[in-house]
Amino acid sequence: MGEEAYRLDRCLTQLLRAGWLDGVHGVLLGSWEECGPYAGLRPLLLDRLGGLGVPVAEEFGFGHGEGALTVPFGVAAELDADAGTLTLDEPALR
């Protein structure tokens, strides 16, 4: 469940260098349960993702922890990082 900070750093760096995050319009960060204190992870996440120049919403509530939210892939949505909201443009299920 948990990951050490150096492993998160490696994963994010690999995604960035491979171009997987090119063209994103925003980033949602979920829970970081069992990954150490979030205060210690936050600088790493912001350092890696800050160069994207897009809104980053933190501690959004999805992930592998108990009571985690489900976030659908491939559904158009509007992210308001300041308000911490994600509004789906269409239903996640049909």
PDB file of N, CA and C in Angstrom:
ATOM      1  N   MET A   1       0.815  -1.188   0.000  1.00  0.00           N
ATOM      2  CA  MET A   1       0.000   0.000   0.000  1.00  0.00           C
ATOM      3  C   MET A   1       0.863   1.259   0.000  1.00  0.00           C
ATOM      4  N   GLY A   2       1.809   1.349   0.913  1.00  0.00           N
ATOM      5  CA  GLY A   2       2.616   2.553   1.014  1.00  0.00           C
ATOM      6  C   GLY A   2       3.829   2.509   0.097  1.00  0.00           C
ATOM      7  N   GLU A   3       4.352   3.677  -0.189  1.00  0.00           N
ATOM      8  CA  GLU A   3       5.570   3.804  -0.993  1.00  0.00           C
ATOM      9  C   GLU A   3       6.498   4.781  -0.294  1.00  0.00           C
ATOM     10  N   GLU A   4       7.772   4.495  -0.347  1.00  0.00           N
ATOM     11  CA  GLU A   4       8.771   5.416   0.180  1.00  0.00           C
ATOM     12  C   GLU A   4       8.872   6.617  -0.762  1.00  0.00           C
ATOM     13  N   ALA A   5       9.272   7.764  -0.216  1.00  0.00           N
ATOM     14  CA  ALA A   5       9.363   8.996  -1.003  1.00  0.00           C
ATOM     15  C   ALA A   5      10.279   8.837  -2.217  1.00  0.00           C
ATOM     16  N   TYR A   6      11.388   8.134  -2.060  1.00  0.00           N
ATOM     17  CA  TYR A   6      12.309   7.980  -3.195  1.00  0.00           C
ATOM     18  C   TYR A   6      11.659   7.204  -4.338  1.00  0.00           C
ATOM     19  N   ARG A   7      10.754   6.283  -4.010  1.00  0.00           N
ATOM     20  CA  ARG A   7      10.065   5.519  -5.056  1.00  0.00           C
ATOM     21  C   ARG A   7       9.034   6.382  -5.773  1.00  0.00           C
ATOM     22  N   LEU A   8       8.331   7.232  -5.015  1.00  0.00           N
ATOM     23  CA  LEU A   8       7.395   8.172  -5.640  1.00  0.00           C
ATOM     24  C   LEU A   8       8.148   9.137  -6.545  1.00  0.00           C
ATOM     25  N   ASP A   9       9.296   9.595  -6.086  1.00  0.00           N
ATOM     26  CA  ASP A   9      10.145  10.482  -6.887  1.00  0.00           C
ATOM     27  C   ASP A   9      10.519   9.794  -8.194  1.00  0.00           C
ATOM     28  N   ARG A  10      10.960   8.558  -8.106  1.00  0.00           N
ATOM     29  CA  ARG A  10      11.360   7.809  -9.298  1.00  0.00           C
ATOM     30  C   ARG A  10      10.186   7.640 -10.259  1.00  0.00           C
ATOM     31  N   CYS A  11       9.017   7.283  -9.742  1.00  0.00           N
ATOM     32  CA  CYS A  11       7.842   7.076 -10.596  1.00  0.00           C
ATOM     33  C   CYS A  11       7.438   8.364 -11.305  1.00  0.00           C
ATOM     34  N   LEU A  12       7.371   9.468 -10.559  1.00  0.00           N
ATOM     35  CA  LEU A  12       6.996  10.745 -11.168  1.00  0.00           C
ATOM     36  C   LEU A  12       8.026  11.200 -12.193  1.00  0.00           C
ATOM     37  N   THR A  13       9.292  11.046 -11.864  1.00  0.00           N
ATOM     38  CA  THR A  13      10.355  11.441 -12.797  1.00  0.00           C
ATOM     39  C   THR A  13      10.271  10.620 -14.072  1.00  0.00           C
ATOM     40  N   GLN A  14      10.012   9.333 -13.938  1.00  0.00           N
ATOM     41  CA  GLN A  14       9.900   8.465 -15.110  1.00  0.00           C
ATOM     42  C   GLN A  14       8.697   8.871 -15.968  1.00  0.00           C
ATOM     43  N   LEU A  15       7.552   9.154 -15.350  1.00  0.00           N
ATOM     44  CA  LEU A  15       6.377   9.599 -16.103  1.00  0.00           C
ATOM     45  C   LEU A  15       6.658  10.902 -16.840  1.00  0.00           C
ATOM     46  N   LEU A  16       7.329  11.826 -16.166  1.00  0.00           N
ATOM     47  CA  LEU A  16       7.654  13.115 -16.786  1.00  0.00           C
ATOM     48  C   LEU A  16       8.603  12.941 -17.963  1.00  0.00           C
ATOM     49  N   ARG A  17       9.674  12.192 -17.778  1.00  0.00           N
ATOM     50  CA  ARG A  17      10.669  12.005 -18.837  1.00  0.00           C
ATOM     51  C   ARG A  17      10.124  11.218 -20.025  1.00  0.00           C
ATOM     52  N   ALA A  18       9.180  10.331 -19.775  1.00  0.00           N
ATOM     53  CA  ALA A  18       8.582   9.545 -20.851  1.00  0.00           C
ATOM     54  C   ALA A  18       7.508  10.326 -21.604  1.00  0.00           C
ATOM     55  N   GLY A  19       7.155  11.507 -21.095  1.00  0.00           N
ATOM     56  CA  GLY A  19       6.168  12.334 -21.778  1.00  0.00           C
ATOM     57  C   GLY A  19       4.720  11.997 -21.469  1.00  0.00           C
ATOM     58  N   TRP A  20       4.490  11.132 -20.495  1.00  0.00           N
ATOM     59  CA  TRP A  20       3.130  10.724 -20.169  1.00  0.00           C
ATOM     60  C   TRP A  20       2.297  11.869 -19.606  1.00  0.00           C
ATOM     61  N   LEU A  21       2.929  12.888 -19.074  1.00  0.00           N
ATOM     62  CA  LEU A  21       2.176  14.009 -18.498  1.00  0.00           C
ATOM     63  C   LEU A  21       2.158  15.230 -19.416  1.00  0.00           C
ATOM     64  N   ASP A  22       2.732  15.099 -20.599  1.00  0.00           N
ATOM     65  CA  ASP A  22       2.700  16.193 -21.572  1.00  0.00           C
ATOM     66  C   ASP A  22       1.253  16.485 -21.958  1.00  0.00           C
ATOM     67  N   GLY A  23       0.889  17.737 -21.935  1.00  0.00           N
ATOM     68  CA  GLY A  23      -0.448  18.133 -22.374  1.00  0.00           C
ATOM     69  C   GLY A  23      -1.546  17.998 -21.343  1.00  0.00           C
ATOM     70  N   VAL A  24      -1.216  17.582 -20.115  1.00  0.00           N
ATOM     71  CA  VAL A  24      -2.269  17.521 -19.103  1.00  0.00           C
ATOM     72  C   VAL A  24      -2.746  18.930 -18.792  1.00  0.00           C
ATOM     73  N   HIS A  25      -3.995  19.046 -18.383  1.00  0.00           N
ATOM     74  CA  HIS A  25      -4.569  20.350 -18.058  1.00  0.00           C
ATOM     75  C   HIS A  25      -4.677  20.557 -16.555  1.00  0.00           C
ATOM     76  N   GLY A  26      -4.432  19.520 -15.787  1.00  0.00           N
ATOM     77  CA  GLY A  26      -4.495  19.586 -14.332  1.00  0.00           C
ATOM     78  C   GLY A  26      -4.118  18.237 -13.760  1.00  0.00           C
ATOM     79  N   VAL A  27      -3.792  18.231 -12.480  1.00  0.00           N
ATOM     80  CA  VAL A  27      -3.389  16.992 -11.798  1.00  0.00           C
ATOM     81  C   VAL A  27      -4.154  16.884 -10.493  1.00  0.00           C
ATOM     82  N   LEU A  28      -4.745  15.724 -10.263  1.00  0.00           N
ATOM     83  CA  LEU A  28      -5.387  15.408  -8.990  1.00  0.00           C
ATOM     84  C   LEU A  28      -4.460  14.495  -8.215  1.00  0.00           C
ATOM     85  N   LEU A  29      -4.192  14.834  -6.990  1.00  0.00           N
ATOM     86  CA  LEU A  29      -3.395  13.978  -6.114  1.00  0.00           C
ATOM     87  C   LEU A  29      -4.332  13.345  -5.099  1.00  0.00           C
ATOM     88  N   GLY A  30      -4.239  12.044  -4.964  1.00  0.00           N
ATOM     89  CA  GLY A  30      -5.110  11.322  -4.050  1.00  0.00           C
ATOM     90  C   GLY A  30      -4.533  11.246  -2.653  1.00  0.00           C
ATOM     91  N   SER A  31      -4.829  10.152  -1.992  1.00  0.00           N
ATOM     92  CA  SER A  31      -4.330   9.947  -0.639  1.00  0.00           C
ATOM     93  C   SER A  31      -2.943   9.316  -0.706  1.00  0.00           C
ATOM     94  N   TRP A  32      -2.188   9.505   0.343  1.00  0.00           N
ATOM     95  CA  TRP A  32      -0.826   8.976   0.411  1.00  0.00           C
ATOM     96  C   TRP A  32      -0.668   8.156   1.682  1.00  0.00           C
ATOM     97  N   GLU A  33      -1.679   7.341   1.936  1.00  0.00           N
ATOM     98  CA  GLU A  33      -1.708   6.505   3.133  1.00  0.00           C
ATOM     99  C   GLU A  33      -0.491   5.586   3.169  1.00  0.00           C
ATOM    100  N   GLU A  34       0.124   5.521   4.319  1.00  0.00           N
ATOM    101  CA  GLU A  34       1.302   4.680   4.563  1.00  0.00           C
ATOM    102  C   GLU A  34       2.510   5.082   3.721  1.00  0.00           C
ATOM    103  N   CYS A  35       2.561   6.344   3.306  1.00  0.00           N
ATOM    104  CA  CYS A  35       3.703   6.847   2.533  1.00  0.00           C
ATOM    105  C   CYS A  35       4.493   7.862   3.347  1.00  0.00           C
ATOM    106  N   GLY A  36       4.272   7.898   4.623  1.00  0.00           N
ATOM    107  CA  GLY A  36       4.927   8.889   5.467  1.00  0.00           C
ATOM    108  C   GLY A  36       4.055  10.125   5.605  1.00  0.00           C
ATOM    109  N   PRO A  37       4.464  11.063   6.432  1.00  0.00           N
ATOM    110  CA  PRO A  37       3.674  12.280   6.612  1.00  0.00           C
ATOM    111  C   PRO A  37       3.558  13.053   5.294  1.00  0.00           C
ATOM    112  N   TYR A  38       2.338  13.508   4.995  1.00  0.00           N
ATOM    113  CA  TYR A  38       2.129  14.246   3.747  1.00  0.00           C
ATOM    114  C   TYR A  38       2.983  15.508   3.697  1.00  0.00           C
ATOM    115  N   ALA A  39       3.229  16.111   4.842  1.00  0.00           N
ATOM    116  CA  ALA A  39       4.066  17.325   4.884  1.00  0.00           C
ATOM    117  C   ALA A  39       5.462  17.047   4.321  1.00  0.00           C
ATOM    118  N   GLY A  40       5.930  15.813   4.432  1.00  0.00           N
ATOM    119  CA  GLY A  40       7.230  15.452   3.879  1.00  0.00           C
ATOM    120  C   GLY A  40       7.172  15.124   2.389  1.00  0.00           C
ATOM    121  N   LEU A  41       6.023  14.655   1.924  1.00  0.00           N
ATOM    122  CA  LEU A  41       5.855  14.317   0.511  1.00  0.00           C
ATOM    123  C   LEU A  41       5.495  15.529  -0.340  1.00  0.00           C
ATOM    124  N   ARG A  42       4.800  16.469   0.248  1.00  0.00           N
ATOM    125  CA  ARG A  42       4.287  17.624  -0.507  1.00  0.00           C
ATOM    126  C   ARG A  42       5.376  18.363  -1.284  1.00  0.00           C
ATOM    127  N   PRO A  43       6.526  18.687  -0.680  1.00  0.00           N
ATOM    128  CA  PRO A  43       7.565  19.375  -1.455  1.00  0.00           C
ATOM    129  C   PRO A  43       8.029  18.572  -2.679  1.00  0.00           C
ATOM    130  N   LEU A  44       8.160  17.263  -2.533  1.00  0.00           N
ATOM    131  CA  LEU A  44       8.554  16.410  -3.647  1.00  0.00           C
ATOM    132  C   LEU A  44       7.511  16.469  -4.758  1.00  0.00           C
ATOM    133  N   LEU A  45       6.245  16.292  -4.409  1.00  0.00           N
ATOM    134  CA  LEU A  45       5.173  16.294  -5.402  1.00  0.00           C
ATOM    135  C   LEU A  45       5.098  17.640  -6.122  1.00  0.00           C
ATOM    136  N   LEU A  46       5.172  18.718  -5.375  1.00  0.00           N
ATOM    137  CA  LEU A  46       5.083  20.041  -5.985  1.00  0.00           C
ATOM    138  C   LEU A  46       6.313  20.350  -6.831  1.00  0.00           C
ATOM    139  N   ASP A  47       7.476  19.857  -6.424  1.00  0.00           N
ATOM    140  CA  ASP A  47       8.684  20.065  -7.211  1.00  0.00           C
ATOM    141  C   ASP A  47       8.579  19.346  -8.558  1.00  0.00           C
ATOM    142  N   ARG A  48       8.136  18.108  -8.533  1.00  0.00           N
ATOM    143  CA  ARG A  48       8.030  17.341  -9.774  1.00  0.00           C
ATOM    144  C   ARG A  48       6.896  17.842 -10.662  1.00  0.00           C
ATOM    145  N   LEU A  49       5.766  18.201 -10.072  1.00  0.00           N
ATOM    146  CA  LEU A  49       4.588  18.563 -10.861  1.00  0.00           C
ATOM    147  C   LEU A  49       4.487  20.057 -11.149  1.00  0.00           C
ATOM    148  N   GLY A  50       5.197  20.883 -10.387  1.00  0.00           N
ATOM    149  CA  GLY A  50       5.115  22.331 -10.556  1.00  0.00           C
ATOM    150  C   GLY A  50       5.556  22.810 -11.925  1.00  0.00           C
ATOM    151  N   GLY A  51       6.503  22.102 -12.535  1.00  0.00           N
ATOM    152  CA  GLY A  51       6.995  22.481 -13.857  1.00  0.00           C
ATOM    153  C   GLY A  51       5.987  22.270 -14.972  1.00  0.00           C
ATOM    154  N   LEU A  52       4.897  21.552 -14.688  1.00  0.00           N
ATOM    155  CA  LEU A  52       3.871  21.341 -15.701  1.00  0.00           C
ATOM    156  C   LEU A  52       3.076  22.615 -15.975  1.00  0.00           C
ATOM    157  N   GLY A  53       3.061  23.525 -15.002  1.00  0.00           N
ATOM    158  CA  GLY A  53       2.331  24.782 -15.166  1.00  0.00           C
ATOM    159  C   GLY A  53       0.826  24.615 -15.211  1.00  0.00           C
ATOM    160  N   VAL A  54       0.315  23.611 -14.523  1.00  0.00           N
ATOM    161  CA  VAL A  54      -1.130  23.358 -14.498  1.00  0.00           C
ATOM    162  C   VAL A  54      -1.599  23.304 -13.042  1.00  0.00           C
ATOM    163  N   PRO A  55      -2.911  23.458 -12.823  1.00  0.00           N
ATOM    164  CA  PRO A  55      -3.421  23.348 -11.452  1.00  0.00           C
ATOM    165  C   PRO A  55      -3.169  21.958 -10.873  1.00  0.00           C
ATOM    166  N   VAL A  56      -2.844  21.919  -9.601  1.00  0.00           N
ATOM    167  CA  VAL A  56      -2.654  20.664  -8.874  1.00  0.00           C
ATOM    168  C   VAL A  56      -3.563  20.697  -7.655  1.00  0.00           C
ATOM    169  N   ALA A  57      -4.500  19.749  -7.579  1.00  0.00           N
ATOM    170  CA  ALA A  57      -5.409  19.633  -6.432  1.00  0.00           C
ATOM    171  C   ALA A  57      -4.873  18.529  -5.532  1.00  0.00           C
ATOM    172  N   GLU A  58      -4.661  18.867  -4.271  1.00  0.00           N
ATOM    173  CA  GLU A  58      -4.028  17.935  -3.336  1.00  0.00           C
ATOM    174  C   GLU A  58      -5.039  17.223  -2.445  1.00  0.00           C
ATOM    175  N   GLU A  59      -4.633  16.049  -1.967  1.00  0.00           N
ATOM    176  CA  GLU A  59      -5.402  15.251  -1.011  1.00  0.00           C
ATOM    177  C   GLU A  59      -6.866  15.135  -1.423  1.00  0.00           C
ATOM    178  N   PHE A  60      -7.083  14.647  -2.642  1.00  0.00           N
ATOM    179  CA  PHE A  60      -8.409  14.633  -3.232  1.00  0.00           C
ATOM    180  C   PHE A  60      -9.290  13.499  -2.716  1.00  0.00           C
ATOM    181  N   GLY A  61      -8.745  12.511  -2.049  1.00  0.00           N
ATOM    182  CA  GLY A  61      -9.576  11.493  -1.415  1.00  0.00           C
ATOM    183  C   GLY A  61      -9.696  10.178  -2.158  1.00  0.00           C
ATOM    184  N   PHE A  62      -9.005  10.016  -3.281  1.00  0.00           N
ATOM    185  CA  PHE A  62      -9.007   8.720  -3.947  1.00  0.00           C
ATOM    186  C   PHE A  62      -7.660   8.059  -3.692  1.00  0.00           C
ATOM    187  N   GLY A  63      -7.599   6.786  -3.909  1.00  0.00           N
ATOM    188  CA  GLY A  63      -6.361   6.053  -3.676  1.00  0.00           C
ATOM    189  C   GLY A  63      -6.667   4.659  -3.188  1.00  0.00           C
ATOM    190  N   HIS A  64      -5.771   4.121  -2.351  1.00  0.00           N
ATOM    191  CA  HIS A  64      -5.916   2.749  -1.897  1.00  0.00           C
ATOM    192  C   HIS A  64      -6.374   2.640  -0.454  1.00  0.00           C
ATOM    193  N   GLY A  65      -6.672   3.745   0.193  1.00  0.00           N
ATOM    194  CA  GLY A  65      -7.068   3.715   1.594  1.00  0.00           C
ATOM    195  C   GLY A  65      -8.543   3.430   1.778  1.00  0.00           C
ATOM    196  N   GLU A  66      -8.911   3.195   3.013  1.00  0.00           N
ATOM    197  CA  GLU A  66     -10.294   2.921   3.364  1.00  0.00           C
ATOM    198  C   GLU A  66     -11.163   4.142   3.055  1.00  0.00           C
ATOM    199  N   GLY A  67     -12.324   3.912   2.468  1.00  0.00           N
ATOM    200  CA  GLY A  67     -13.254   4.993   2.161  1.00  0.00           C
ATOM    201  C   GLY A  67     -12.838   5.858   0.984  1.00  0.00           C
ATOM    202  N   ALA A  68     -11.932   5.364   0.159  1.00  0.00           N
ATOM    203  CA  ALA A  68     -11.423   6.148  -0.971  1.00  0.00           C
ATOM    204  C   ALA A  68     -12.506   6.370  -2.023  1.00  0.00           C
ATOM    205  N   LEU A  69     -12.488   7.543  -2.635  1.00  0.00           N
ATOM    206  CA  LEU A  69     -13.394   7.871  -3.723  1.00  0.00           C
ATOM    207  C   LEU A  69     -12.977   7.143  -4.992  1.00  0.00           C
ATOM    208  N   THR A  70     -13.929   6.923  -5.874  1.00  0.00           N
ATOM    209  CA  THR A  70     -13.646   6.357  -7.184  1.00  0.00           C
ATOM    210  C   THR A  70     -13.642   7.490  -8.193  1.00  0.00           C
ATOM    211  N   VAL A  71     -12.599   7.592  -8.994  1.00  0.00           N
ATOM    212  CA  VAL A  71     -12.493   8.625 -10.024  1.00  0.00           C
ATOM    213  C   VAL A  71     -12.405   7.911 -11.369  1.00  0.00           C
ATOM    214  N   PRO A  72     -13.347   8.176 -12.275  1.00  0.00           N
ATOM    215  CA  PRO A  72     -13.341   7.481 -13.566  1.00  0.00           C
ATOM    216  C   PRO A  72     -12.247   7.998 -14.487  1.00  0.00           C
ATOM    217  N   PHE A  73     -11.715   7.126 -15.319  1.00  0.00           N
ATOM    218  CA  PHE A  73     -10.737   7.499 -16.347  1.00  0.00           C
ATOM    219  C   PHE A  73     -11.465   7.755 -17.659  1.00  0.00           C
ATOM    220  N   GLY A  74     -10.975   8.705 -18.424  1.00  0.00           N
ATOM    221  CA  GLY A  74     -11.501   8.947 -19.751  1.00  0.00           C
ATOM    222  C   GLY A  74     -12.779   9.750 -19.812  1.00  0.00           C
ATOM    223  N   VAL A  75     -13.208  10.321 -18.700  1.00  0.00           N
ATOM    224  CA  VAL A  75     -14.417  11.140 -18.671  1.00  0.00           C
ATOM    225  C   VAL A  75     -13.989  12.597 -18.591  1.00  0.00           C
ATOM    226  N   ALA A  76     -14.510  13.423 -19.503  1.00  0.00           N
ATOM    227  CA  ALA A  76     -14.195  14.850 -19.478  1.00  0.00           C
ATOM    228  C   ALA A  76     -14.708  15.461 -18.179  1.00  0.00           C
ATOM    229  N   ALA A  77     -13.898  16.357 -17.607  1.00  0.00           N
ATOM    230  CA  ALA A  77     -14.263  16.967 -16.328  1.00  0.00           C
ATOM    231  C   ALA A  77     -13.622  18.335 -16.220  1.00  0.00           C
ATOM    232  N   GLU A  78     -14.116  19.121 -15.262  1.00  0.00           N
ATOM    233  CA  GLU A  78     -13.542  20.434 -14.990  1.00  0.00           C
ATOM    234  C   GLU A  78     -12.965  20.427 -13.574  1.00  0.00           C
ATOM    235  N   LEU A  79     -11.688  20.754 -13.481  1.00  0.00           N
ATOM    236  CA  LEU A  79     -10.987  20.796 -12.205  1.00  0.00           C
ATOM    237  C   LEU A  79     -10.871  22.239 -11.750  1.00  0.00           C
ATOM    238  N   ASP A  80     -11.297  22.509 -10.533  1.00  0.00           N
ATOM    239  CA  ASP A  80     -11.068  23.799  -9.901  1.00  0.00           C
ATOM    240  C   ASP A  80     -10.139  23.526  -8.728  1.00  0.00           C
ATOM    241  N   ALA A  81      -8.844  23.690  -8.960  1.00  0.00           N
ATOM    242  CA  ALA A  81      -7.855  23.359  -7.934  1.00  0.00           C
ATOM    243  C   ALA A  81      -7.964  24.280  -6.728  1.00  0.00           C
ATOM    244  N   ASP A  82      -8.351  25.535  -6.932  1.00  0.00           N
ATOM    245  CA  ASP A  82      -8.496  26.465  -5.807  1.00  0.00           C
ATOM    246  C   ASP A  82      -9.617  26.025  -4.874  1.00  0.00           C
ATOM    247  N   ALA A  83     -10.742  25.598  -5.454  1.00  0.00           N
ATOM    248  CA  ALA A  83     -11.883  25.159  -4.645  1.00  0.00           C
ATOM    249  C   ALA A  83     -11.764  23.691  -4.247  1.00  0.00           C
ATOM    250  N   GLY A  84     -10.850  22.954  -4.912  1.00  0.00           N
ATOM    251  CA  GLY A  84     -10.700  21.529  -4.621  1.00  0.00           C
ATOM    252  C   GLY A  84     -11.873  20.705  -5.117  1.00  0.00           C
ATOM    253  N   THR A  85     -12.407  21.070  -6.309  1.00  0.00           N
ATOM    254  CA  THR A  85     -13.551  20.341  -6.844  1.00  0.00           C
ATOM    255  C   THR A  85     -13.241  19.782  -8.225  1.00  0.00           C
ATOM    256  N   LEU A  86     -13.891  18.682  -8.533  1.00  0.00           N
ATOM    257  CA  LEU A  86     -13.826  18.069  -9.846  1.00  0.00           C
ATOM    258  C   LEU A  86     -15.264  17.815 -10.267  1.00  0.00           C
ATOM    259  N   THR A  87     -15.680  18.415 -11.381  1.00  0.00           N
ATOM    260  CA  THR A  87     -17.043  18.268 -11.874  1.00  0.00           C
ATOM    261  C   THR A  87     -17.004  17.506 -13.189  1.00  0.00           C
ATOM    262  N   LEU A  88     -17.646  16.348 -13.218  1.00  0.00           N
ATOM    263  CA  LEU A  88     -17.686  15.536 -14.426  1.00  0.00           C
ATOM    264  C   LEU A  88     -18.605  16.197 -15.448  1.00  0.00           C
ATOM    265  N   ASP A  89     -18.189  16.236 -16.717  1.00  0.00           N
ATOM    266  CA  ASP A  89     -18.988  16.809 -17.790  1.00  0.00           C
ATOM    267  C   ASP A  89     -20.055  15.850 -18.297  1.00  0.00           C
ATOM    268  N   GLU A  90     -19.918  14.590 -17.955  1.00  0.00           N
ATOM    269  CA  GLU A  90     -20.867  13.549 -18.373  1.00  0.00           C
ATOM    270  C   GLU A  90     -20.867  12.478 -17.300  1.00  0.00           C
ATOM    271  N   PRO A  91     -21.907  11.645 -17.285  1.00  0.00           N
ATOM    272  CA  PRO A  91     -21.938  10.571 -16.277  1.00  0.00           C
ATOM    273  C   PRO A  91     -20.755   9.614 -16.443  1.00  0.00           C
ATOM    274  N   ALA A  92     -20.245   9.124 -15.335  1.00  0.00           N
ATOM    275  CA  ALA A  92     -19.142   8.175 -15.377  1.00  0.00           C
ATOM    276  C   ALA A  92     -19.600   6.821 -15.908  1.00  0.00           C
ATOM    277  N   LEU A  93     -20.854   6.481 -15.683  1.00  0.00           N
ATOM    278  CA  LEU A  93     -21.425   5.209 -16.157  1.00  0.00           C
ATOM    279  C   LEU A  93     -22.614   5.499 -17.041  1.00  0.00           C
ATOM    280  N   ARG A  94     -22.805   4.643 -18.010  1.00  0.00           N
ATOM    281  CA  ARG A  94     -23.953   4.820 -18.919  1.00  0.00           C
ATOM    282  C   ARG A  94     -24.914   3.687 -18.764  1.00  0.00           C
TER     283      ARG A  94
END
